Amino acid sequence: MNFVRAMLVAGVVAGAAACSGARSPEGAVRALAEAAEAGDRDAVYALLGPATRARLAADAERAAQAAGRRELGPTDLVAAGWSPPKWHAVDFDVLTRSGDRATVEVRGAAHERETVSCVAVGGQWRVELQ
């Protein structure tokens, strides 16, 4: 499982939380990381980009249909904070930035590395999960 998915499933890194987005790509990734570790599904969802939100909404609809009477929303699929982090992120750097798109590298204390895609929406940066 890659780092980005692990942030949603397991809440794998720490940083500064925000509920509506961030002013920089690295700020968005850092905020998502802390929200995931804290188990704050609503904050995690608020920091996700439109493509990731659309994918979660479609997945939630399919899951709700399969579950019968139980209604599921996109945030029900965000399992942030359910298990301890696989590794702890200590540094966030923008690798590329062009217009409303950016790629952020996340590095861990034991030299772990992952890249995360971000998109600017309405003046705030959000994270797009692969």
Protein backbone atom coordinates (compact mmCIF):
# COMPACT_ATOMS: atom_id res chain seq x y z
CA MET A 1 0.00 0.00 0.00
CA ASN A 2 1.51 3.36 -0.92
CA PHE A 3 1.95 6.20 1.52
CA VAL A 4 -0.95 8.28 0.26
CA ARG A 5 -3.49 5.48 0.62
CA ALA A 6 -2.00 4.61 3.98
CA MET A 7 -2.71 8.17 5.16
CA LEU A 8 -6.39 7.52 4.61
CA VAL A 9 -6.48 3.95 5.80
CA ALA A 10 -4.09 4.12 8.71
CA GLY A 11 -3.29 7.75 9.41
CA VAL A 12 0.43 7.38 8.82
CA VAL A 13 2.02 10.77 9.32
CA ALA A 14 1.86 13.92 11.44
CA GLY A 15 1.69 17.64 10.61
CA ALA A 16 -0.50 20.72 11.00
CA ALA A 17 -4.27 20.22 10.64
CA ALA A 18 -6.67 22.35 8.62
CA CYS A 19 -10.29 21.84 7.70
CA SER A 20 -10.79 23.75 4.48
CA GLY A 21 -7.51 23.45 2.59
CA ALA A 22 -4.08 24.98 2.82
CA ARG A 23 -2.22 27.92 1.35
CA SER A 24 0.60 25.76 0.00
CA PRO A 25 0.91 22.25 -1.43
CA GLU A 26 3.20 21.10 1.36
CA GLY A 27 0.81 22.65 3.89
CA ALA A 28 -2.05 20.60 2.45
CA VAL A 29 -0.09 17.37 2.70
CA ARG A 30 1.10 18.21 6.21
CA ALA A 31 -2.46 19.06 7.29
CA LEU A 32 -3.85 15.87 5.76
CA ALA A 33 -1.18 13.86 7.55
CA GLU A 34 -2.05 15.28 10.95
CA ALA A 35 -5.79 14.96 10.40
CA ALA A 36 -5.33 11.32 9.37
CA GLU A 37 -3.20 10.54 12.40
CA ALA A 38 -5.75 12.23 14.67
CA GLY A 39 -8.54 10.16 13.11
CA ASP A 40 -10.40 13.28 11.97
CA ARG A 41 -12.24 11.91 8.92
CA ASP A 42 -14.06 15.16 8.21
CA ALA A 43 -10.79 17.15 8.15
CA VAL A 44 -9.16 14.50 5.95
CA TYR A 45 -12.08 14.64 3.53
CA ALA A 46 -12.00 18.46 3.48
CA LEU A 47 -8.36 18.35 2.41
CA LEU A 48 -8.95 15.98 -0.50
CA GLY A 49 -9.06 17.19 -4.08
CA PRO A 50 -12.15 16.99 -6.29
CA ALA A 51 -11.07 13.87 -8.20
CA THR A 52 -10.40 11.96 -4.97
CA ARG A 53 -13.72 13.13 -3.49
CA ALA A 54 -15.59 12.03 -6.62
CA ARG A 55 -13.93 8.60 -6.46
CA LEU A 56 -14.85 8.24 -2.77
CA ALA A 57 -18.44 9.31 -3.45
CA ALA A 58 -18.77 6.71 -6.23
CA ASP A 59 -17.22 4.03 -4.01
CA ALA A 60 -19.56 4.97 -1.14
CA GLU A 61 -22.57 4.73 -3.43
CA ARG A 62 -21.53 1.26 -4.63
CA ALA A 63 -20.85 0.15 -1.04
CA ALA A 64 -24.24 1.46 0.11
CA GLN A 65 -26.00 -0.43 -2.67
CA ALA A 66 -24.15 -3.60 -1.72
CA ALA A 67 -25.00 -3.09 1.97
CA GLY A 68 -28.72 -2.87 1.33
CA ARG A 69 -30.48 -0.43 3.63
CA ARG A 70 -27.35 1.11 5.18
CA GLU A 71 -26.48 4.55 3.84
CA LEU A 72 -22.82 5.37 3.39
CA GLY A 73 -21.21 8.69 2.62
CA PRO A 74 -17.74 9.40 1.28
CA THR A 75 -16.33 10.16 4.74
CA ASP A 76 -17.47 6.71 5.90
CA LEU A 77 -14.75 5.31 3.64
CA VAL A 78 -12.02 7.39 5.29
CA ALA A 79 -10.53 5.11 7.94
CA ALA A 80 -8.06 7.66 9.27
CA GLY A 81 -6.37 6.92 12.57
CA TRP A 82 -7.59 3.33 12.90
CA SER A 83 -4.10 1.90 13.24
CA PRO A 84 -0.71 3.31 14.18
CA PRO A 85 1.44 4.99 11.54
CA LYS A 86 3.59 2.79 9.36
CA TRP A 87 6.21 5.55 9.47
CA HIS A 88 6.39 9.12 10.71
CA ALA A 89 6.88 11.94 8.22
CA VAL A 90 9.32 14.63 9.23
CA ASP A 91 9.72 16.72 6.10
CA PHE A 92 7.49 17.94 3.27
CA ASP A 93 8.96 19.59 0.15
CA VAL A 94 7.42 20.74 -3.13
CA LEU A 95 9.18 18.92 -5.98
CA THR A 96 7.21 20.45 -8.85
CA ARG A 97 4.64 23.22 -9.13
CA SER A 98 2.93 24.38 -12.29
CA GLY A 99 -0.23 26.46 -12.17
CA ASP A 100 -2.80 24.66 -10.03
CA ARG A 101 -0.84 21.37 -9.77
CA ALA A 102 2.05 20.36 -7.54
CA THR A 103 3.93 17.30 -6.36
CA VAL A 104 5.12 17.10 -2.75
CA GLU A 105 7.76 14.73 -1.46
CA VAL A 106 7.19 13.38 2.05
CA ARG A 107 10.23 12.05 3.90
CA GLY A 108 10.36 9.98 7.04
CA ALA A 109 12.89 9.87 9.86
CA ALA A 110 14.26 6.53 8.60
CA HIS A 111 14.68 7.88 5.02
CA GLU A 112 11.26 6.72 3.77
CA ARG A 113 10.02 8.72 0.77
CA GLU A 114 6.73 9.11 -1.03
CA THR A 115 5.35 11.65 -3.46
CA VAL A 116 1.88 13.16 -3.22
CA SER A 117 -0.08 15.06 -5.88
CA CYS A 118 -1.85 18.29 -4.99
CA VAL A 119 -4.26 20.60 -6.78
CA ALA A 120 -5.32 24.18 -6.04
CA VAL A 121 -9.08 24.65 -5.75
CA GLY A 122 -10.57 28.04 -4.97
CA GLY A 123 -7.25 29.39 -3.73
CA GLN A 124 -6.65 26.45 -1.37
CA TRP A 125 -4.42 23.44 -1.97
CA ARG A 126 -5.85 19.95 -1.67
CA VAL A 127 -4.42 16.44 -1.94
CA GLU A 128 -5.29 14.10 -4.80
CA LEU A 129 -4.84 10.44 -3.90
CA GLN A 130 -3.83 7.93 -6.55
